[in-house]
Amino acid sequence: MSSFRSVILCADDFGLADGVSRGIVELAEMGRLSATGAMTNMPGLRRMARSLMPLRDRIAVGLHLNFTAGTPLGPMPRLAPLGAFPALKDLLPKALKRQLPDSEIAEEISRQIEAFEEAFGDAPAFVDGHQHVHVLPAIRPALIQALKARGYAGRVWLRDPSDKAMAILRRPIGRSKALIVKSLARGFARSAHAAGFRTNKGFSGFAPLDLSVPVARVFEEAFSKLGAHPLVMCHPGYVDDELRALDPALESRVEELNYLKSDAFRDLLEERGLRLVPRPEAS
């Protein structure tokens, strides 16, 4: 009997733009994804949520918590005085200096969770963060507290965007970014486990947005040196005018989409004995 290694393949940014969402739905229908994170503050989520409903028994649909793109779902006079979230380069220093407005953060987290529940009729299968903001100071404890208050411990899992240093060092593509995110996420899994939430163990998929590295090579490396319960992130999608106005990752999304649809990706999974699963498997 053949043995398979389980891995979560998670597409970020469902709802960011209709082209992105459409590409994710197509991959889910093909069985080429096992999870996706939805951005509930983006108008595209309300337009496209229904297209994911028939697939929720095949892939995990989670909340892609967002504090760096688009507009908040309610007033945030300190963090977003002009009605738009700050860019990550502006949010990150404030987070590290413990200067984020705690009450505003907690209220927006609750709004985004509630928007998910309204769109999909249930709790998210998991929670992660756009640009990994869910692991940042002030956001991290507020998220865990909000999920615990809803009784989601043991039901919802959390994405840990860190990996063992040795695994990161053995994957050269995106290594610097992976090490930075690992540092920011220090202690996240421990806090999640203490509160009763499961996490993945092993994380990869960091890639340049400029296609300086062939997408096939990006995925070949991402699906190597895997942890005990690994997750590989990806960012597939079609480019449309909505996306062009929101995000710098354009052609790379199309290349990822095409590769994940390809026979080459199917063959990669088969050759390495990998199967895509929607959640971290129990130890």
Protein backbone atom coordinates (compact mmCIF):
# COMPACT_ATOMS: atom_id res chain seq x y z
CA MET A 1 0.00 0.00 0.00
CA SER A 2 1.32 3.43 -0.91
CA SER A 3 1.84 5.86 1.93
CA PHE A 4 1.19 9.56 1.54
CA ARG A 5 2.39 12.63 3.40
CA SER A 6 -0.35 15.15 4.22
CA VAL A 7 0.09 18.84 3.50
CA ILE A 8 -2.25 21.82 3.47
CA LEU A 9 -2.10 24.00 0.35
CA CYS A 10 -3.72 27.32 1.21
CA ALA A 11 -4.56 30.05 -1.29
CA ASP A 12 -4.59 33.48 0.30
CA ASP A 13 -6.74 36.50 -0.58
CA PHE A 14 -10.14 35.12 -1.55
CA GLY A 15 -12.34 38.21 -1.93
CA LEU A 16 -9.48 40.59 -2.69
CA ALA A 17 -10.65 40.88 -6.32
CA ASP A 18 -13.04 38.83 -8.41
CA GLY A 19 -10.22 37.55 -10.63
CA VAL A 20 -8.38 36.19 -7.62
CA SER A 21 -11.51 34.58 -6.21
CA ARG A 22 -12.45 33.02 -9.54
CA GLY A 23 -9.02 31.45 -9.90
CA ILE A 24 -9.19 30.02 -6.38
CA VAL A 25 -12.63 28.50 -7.05
CA GLU A 26 -11.35 26.86 -10.24
CA LEU A 27 -8.41 25.30 -8.40
CA ALA A 28 -10.65 24.09 -5.58
CA GLU A 29 -12.97 22.45 -8.08
CA MET A 30 -9.97 20.63 -9.57
CA GLY A 31 -8.77 19.45 -6.17
CA ARG A 32 -5.59 21.48 -6.50
CA LEU A 33 -6.10 23.39 -3.21
CA SER A 34 -7.16 22.30 0.24
CA ALA A 35 -7.75 25.68 1.95
CA THR A 36 -8.35 29.34 1.25
CA GLY A 37 -8.48 32.44 3.42
CA ALA A 38 -11.29 34.98 2.85
CA MET A 39 -10.87 38.74 3.30
CA THR A 40 -14.20 39.76 4.80
CA ASN A 41 -13.59 43.52 4.67
CA MET A 42 -13.27 43.53 0.88
CA PRO A 43 -16.35 44.12 -1.32
CA GLY A 44 -15.39 41.16 -3.51
CA LEU A 45 -16.05 38.72 -0.68
CA ARG A 46 -19.77 39.47 -0.70
CA ARG A 47 -19.91 39.01 -4.48
CA MET A 48 -18.01 35.71 -4.52
CA ALA A 49 -18.76 33.94 -1.22
CA ARG A 50 -21.60 31.94 -2.73
CA SER A 51 -19.24 30.34 -5.25
CA LEU A 52 -17.31 28.69 -2.41
CA MET A 53 -20.35 27.24 -0.65
CA PRO A 54 -20.53 23.99 -2.70
CA LEU A 55 -16.82 23.41 -2.05
CA ARG A 56 -16.73 23.75 1.73
CA ASP A 57 -16.81 19.98 2.22
CA ARG A 58 -13.68 19.73 0.02
CA ILE A 59 -11.55 22.65 1.19
CA ALA A 60 -11.18 24.58 4.43
CA VAL A 61 -12.47 28.14 4.19
CA GLY A 62 -10.92 30.43 6.77
CA LEU A 63 -10.74 34.07 7.75
CA HIS A 64 -7.83 35.98 6.22
CA LEU A 65 -7.69 38.65 8.92
CA ASN A 66 -6.83 41.99 7.34
CA PHE A 67 -5.40 45.24 8.70
CA THR A 68 -3.36 46.41 5.70
CA ALA A 69 -5.63 46.46 2.63
CA GLY A 70 -8.92 48.18 1.88
CA THR A 71 -11.10 49.72 4.54
CA PRO A 72 -12.14 48.54 8.01
CA LEU A 73 -15.67 47.32 8.59
CA GLY A 74 -16.23 49.99 11.22
CA PRO A 75 -14.72 53.25 12.41
CA MET A 76 -11.06 53.13 13.47
CA PRO A 77 -10.19 56.79 14.08
CA ARG A 78 -6.69 56.07 15.38
CA LEU A 79 -5.54 53.29 13.07
CA ALA A 80 -7.43 54.36 9.96
CA PRO A 81 -8.38 58.04 10.42
CA LEU A 82 -9.02 58.52 6.69
CA GLY A 83 -11.01 55.32 6.38
CA ALA A 84 -8.30 53.13 4.83
CA PHE A 85 -6.01 50.62 6.51
CA PRO A 86 -2.31 51.58 6.68
CA ALA A 87 0.25 49.77 4.57
CA LEU A 88 2.24 47.04 6.32
CA LYS A 89 5.32 49.29 6.39
CA ASP A 90 3.35 51.73 8.55
CA LEU A 91 1.49 49.17 10.66
CA LEU A 92 4.51 47.05 11.56
CA PRO A 93 6.55 49.69 13.47
CA LYS A 94 3.52 50.67 15.50
CA ALA A 95 2.80 47.04 16.31
CA LEU A 96 6.36 46.36 17.44
CA LYS A 97 6.34 49.50 19.59
CA ARG A 98 3.02 48.44 21.16
CA GLN A 99 1.36 51.55 19.74
CA LEU A 100 -1.66 49.95 18.09
CA PRO A 101 -5.04 50.97 19.56
CA ASP A 102 -6.10 47.85 21.46
CA SER A 103 -9.82 48.56 21.58
CA GLU A 104 -10.01 49.39 17.88
CA ILE A 105 -8.09 46.25 16.99
CA ALA A 106 -10.37 44.04 19.10
CA GLU A 107 -13.52 45.59 17.67
CA GLU A 108 -12.37 45.17 14.07
CA ILE A 109 -11.38 41.55 14.68
CA SER A 110 -14.89 40.89 15.97
CA ARG A 111 -16.41 42.63 12.96
CA GLN A 112 -14.36 40.57 10.51
CA ILE A 113 -15.25 37.32 12.28
CA GLU A 114 -18.93 38.29 12.27
CA ALA A 115 -18.75 39.19 8.58
CA PHE A 116 -17.36 35.73 7.87
CA GLU A 117 -20.15 34.08 9.84
CA GLU A 118 -22.72 36.16 7.95
CA ALA A 119 -21.21 35.36 4.54
CA PHE A 120 -20.75 31.63 5.08
CA GLY A 121 -23.26 30.78 7.80
CA ASP A 122 -20.68 29.25 10.11
CA ALA A 123 -17.39 29.82 11.89
CA PRO A 124 -14.20 29.94 9.84
CA ALA A 125 -12.36 26.64 9.63
CA PHE A 126 -9.16 28.50 10.49
CA VAL A 127 -7.78 32.00 10.86
CA ASP A 128 -4.64 33.50 9.38
CA GLY A 129 -3.63 37.03 8.43
CA HIS A 130 -3.08 39.05 5.30
CA GLN A 131 0.68 39.71 5.32
CA HIS A 132 0.74 37.60 8.53
CA VAL A 133 -0.68 40.44 10.68
CA HIS A 134 -2.43 37.95 12.97
CA VAL A 135 0.85 37.18 14.76
CA LEU A 136 1.70 40.81 15.57
CA PRO A 137 1.60 42.26 19.09
CA ALA A 138 -1.85 43.58 20.05
CA ILE A 139 -3.47 41.70 17.16
CA ARG A 140 -2.33 38.23 18.31
CA PRO A 141 -3.83 38.26 21.84
CA ALA A 142 -6.98 40.07 20.70
CA LEU A 143 -7.59 37.44 18.02
CA ILE A 144 -7.12 34.51 20.38
CA GLN A 145 -9.39 36.15 22.95
CA ALA A 146 -12.10 36.87 20.37
CA LEU A 147 -12.09 33.28 19.14
CA LYS A 148 -12.13 31.87 22.67
CA ALA A 149 -15.06 34.12 23.59
CA ARG A 150 -17.05 32.59 20.72
CA GLY A 151 -16.29 29.05 21.90
CA TYR A 152 -14.11 28.31 18.90
CA ALA A 153 -11.23 26.69 20.78
CA GLY A 154 -10.84 23.13 19.54
CA ARG A 155 -12.96 23.88 16.51
CA VAL A 156 -10.99 26.54 14.64
CA TRP A 157 -7.28 26.13 13.91
CA LEU A 158 -4.75 28.92 13.51
CA ARG A 159 -2.05 29.28 10.90
CA ASP A 160 1.47 29.55 12.25
CA PRO A 161 3.63 31.23 9.56
CA SER A 162 6.91 30.05 11.05
CA ASP A 163 9.07 27.02 10.47
CA LYS A 164 12.20 25.51 11.93
CA ALA A 165 15.28 27.57 11.13
CA MET A 166 17.04 24.62 9.50
CA ALA A 167 14.14 24.02 7.11
CA ILE A 168 14.05 27.71 6.17
CA LEU A 169 17.79 27.82 5.58
CA ARG A 170 17.54 24.79 3.28
CA ARG A 171 14.93 26.57 1.12
CA PRO A 172 16.76 29.55 -0.46
CA ILE A 173 13.76 31.11 -2.23
CA GLY A 174 12.21 33.73 0.04
CA ARG A 175 14.59 32.81 2.86
CA SER A 176 15.04 36.34 4.22
CA LYS A 177 11.30 37.00 4.36
CA ALA A 178 10.68 33.62 5.97
CA LEU A 179 13.22 34.35 8.71
CA ILE A 180 11.66 37.77 9.40
CA VAL A 181 8.18 36.28 9.67
CA LYS A 182 9.52 33.49 11.90
CA SER A 183 10.89 36.15 14.24
CA LEU A 184 7.58 38.04 14.29
CA ALA A 185 5.67 34.81 14.98
CA ARG A 186 7.85 33.73 17.90
CA GLY A 187 5.60 32.29 20.61
CA PHE A 188 2.46 32.36 18.46
CA ALA A 189 1.98 28.59 18.35
CA ARG A 190 2.62 28.32 22.08
CA SER A 191 -0.06 30.94 22.81
CA ALA A 192 -2.50 29.28 20.42
CA HIS A 193 -1.98 25.82 21.93
CA ALA A 194 -2.35 27.17 25.47
CA ALA A 195 -5.73 28.60 24.47
CA GLY A 196 -6.86 25.31 22.93
CA PHE A 197 -6.21 25.97 19.24
CA ARG A 198 -4.38 23.59 16.93
CA THR A 199 -1.81 24.97 14.49
CA ASN A 200 0.11 23.68 11.50
CA LYS A 201 3.71 22.65 12.12
CA GLY A 202 5.83 23.73 9.20
CA PHE A 203 5.24 26.62 6.82
CA SER A 204 6.53 27.48 3.36
CA GLY A 205 5.61 29.23 0.14
CA PHE A 206 7.44 32.55 0.38
CA ALA A 207 8.16 33.70 -3.15
CA PRO A 208 9.22 36.80 -5.08
CA LEU A 209 6.44 38.71 -6.83
CA ASP A 210 8.54 39.67 -9.83
CA LEU A 211 8.84 36.21 -11.43
CA SER A 212 12.60 36.35 -10.97
CA VAL A 213 12.35 32.67 -10.02
CA PRO A 214 10.30 30.26 -12.16
CA VAL A 215 7.05 29.36 -10.44
CA ALA A 216 7.67 25.64 -10.88
CA ARG A 217 10.89 25.98 -8.91
CA VAL A 218 9.11 28.00 -6.20
CA PHE A 219 6.64 25.17 -5.61
CA GLU A 220 9.21 22.42 -5.90
CA GLU A 221 11.12 24.09 -3.08
CA ALA A 222 8.03 24.97 -1.04
CA PHE A 223 7.01 21.30 -1.01
CA SER A 224 10.38 20.24 0.37
CA LYS A 225 11.80 20.08 3.91
CA LEU A 226 8.24 19.85 5.22
CA GLY A 227 7.36 19.95 8.90
CA ALA A 228 5.23 17.51 10.89
CA HIS A 229 1.89 19.04 9.85
CA PRO A 230 2.92 21.41 7.08
CA LEU A 231 1.17 24.22 5.27
CA VAL A 232 2.22 25.73 1.95
CA MET A 233 0.75 29.12 1.09
CA CYS A 234 0.11 30.34 -2.44
CA HIS A 235 -1.37 33.36 -4.20
CA PRO A 236 -3.05 32.27 -7.45
CA GLY A 237 -5.57 34.25 -9.43
CA TYR A 238 -6.52 36.11 -12.57
CA VAL A 239 -5.51 39.74 -13.00
CA ASP A 240 -8.28 42.31 -13.43
CA ASP A 241 -8.56 46.06 -13.00
CA GLU A 242 -9.77 45.65 -9.43
CA LEU A 243 -6.63 43.72 -8.50
CA ARG A 244 -4.35 46.22 -10.27
CA ALA A 245 -5.71 48.96 -8.01
CA LEU A 246 -5.19 46.97 -4.82
CA ASP A 247 -2.09 44.81 -4.92
CA PRO A 248 1.39 44.63 -6.48
CA ALA A 249 1.22 40.86 -7.05
CA LEU A 250 -0.17 40.56 -10.58
CA GLU A 251 1.47 38.33 -13.20
CA SER A 252 2.87 36.07 -10.48
CA ARG A 253 -0.69 35.15 -9.53
CA VAL A 254 -1.49 34.03 -13.07
CA GLU A 255 1.71 31.98 -13.23
CA GLU A 256 0.86 30.29 -9.93
CA LEU A 257 -2.67 29.59 -11.14
CA ASN A 258 -1.44 28.01 -14.36
CA TYR A 259 1.15 25.89 -12.59
CA LEU A 260 -1.29 24.60 -9.98
CA LYS A 261 -3.66 23.58 -12.78
CA SER A 262 -0.89 21.81 -14.67
CA ASP A 263 0.07 18.17 -15.02
CA ALA A 264 3.48 19.19 -13.68
CA PHE A 265 1.97 20.05 -10.28
CA ARG A 266 -0.07 16.86 -10.22
CA ASP A 267 3.09 14.92 -11.00
CA LEU A 268 5.03 16.74 -8.27
CA LEU A 269 2.52 15.64 -5.66
CA GLU A 270 2.52 12.06 -6.91
CA GLU A 271 6.29 11.79 -7.14
CA ARG A 272 6.74 13.07 -3.59
CA GLY A 273 3.87 11.04 -2.16
CA LEU A 274 1.91 14.12 -1.04
CA ARG A 275 -1.81 14.51 -0.57
CA LEU A 276 -3.62 17.79 0.07
CA VAL A 277 -5.66 17.97 3.28
CA PRO A 278 -7.82 20.78 4.72
CA ARG A 279 -6.52 20.88 8.29
CA PRO A 280 -3.52 19.91 10.44
CA GLU A 281 -3.82 16.26 11.26
CA ALA A 282 -3.79 15.17 14.88
CA SER A 283 -0.42 14.12 16.25
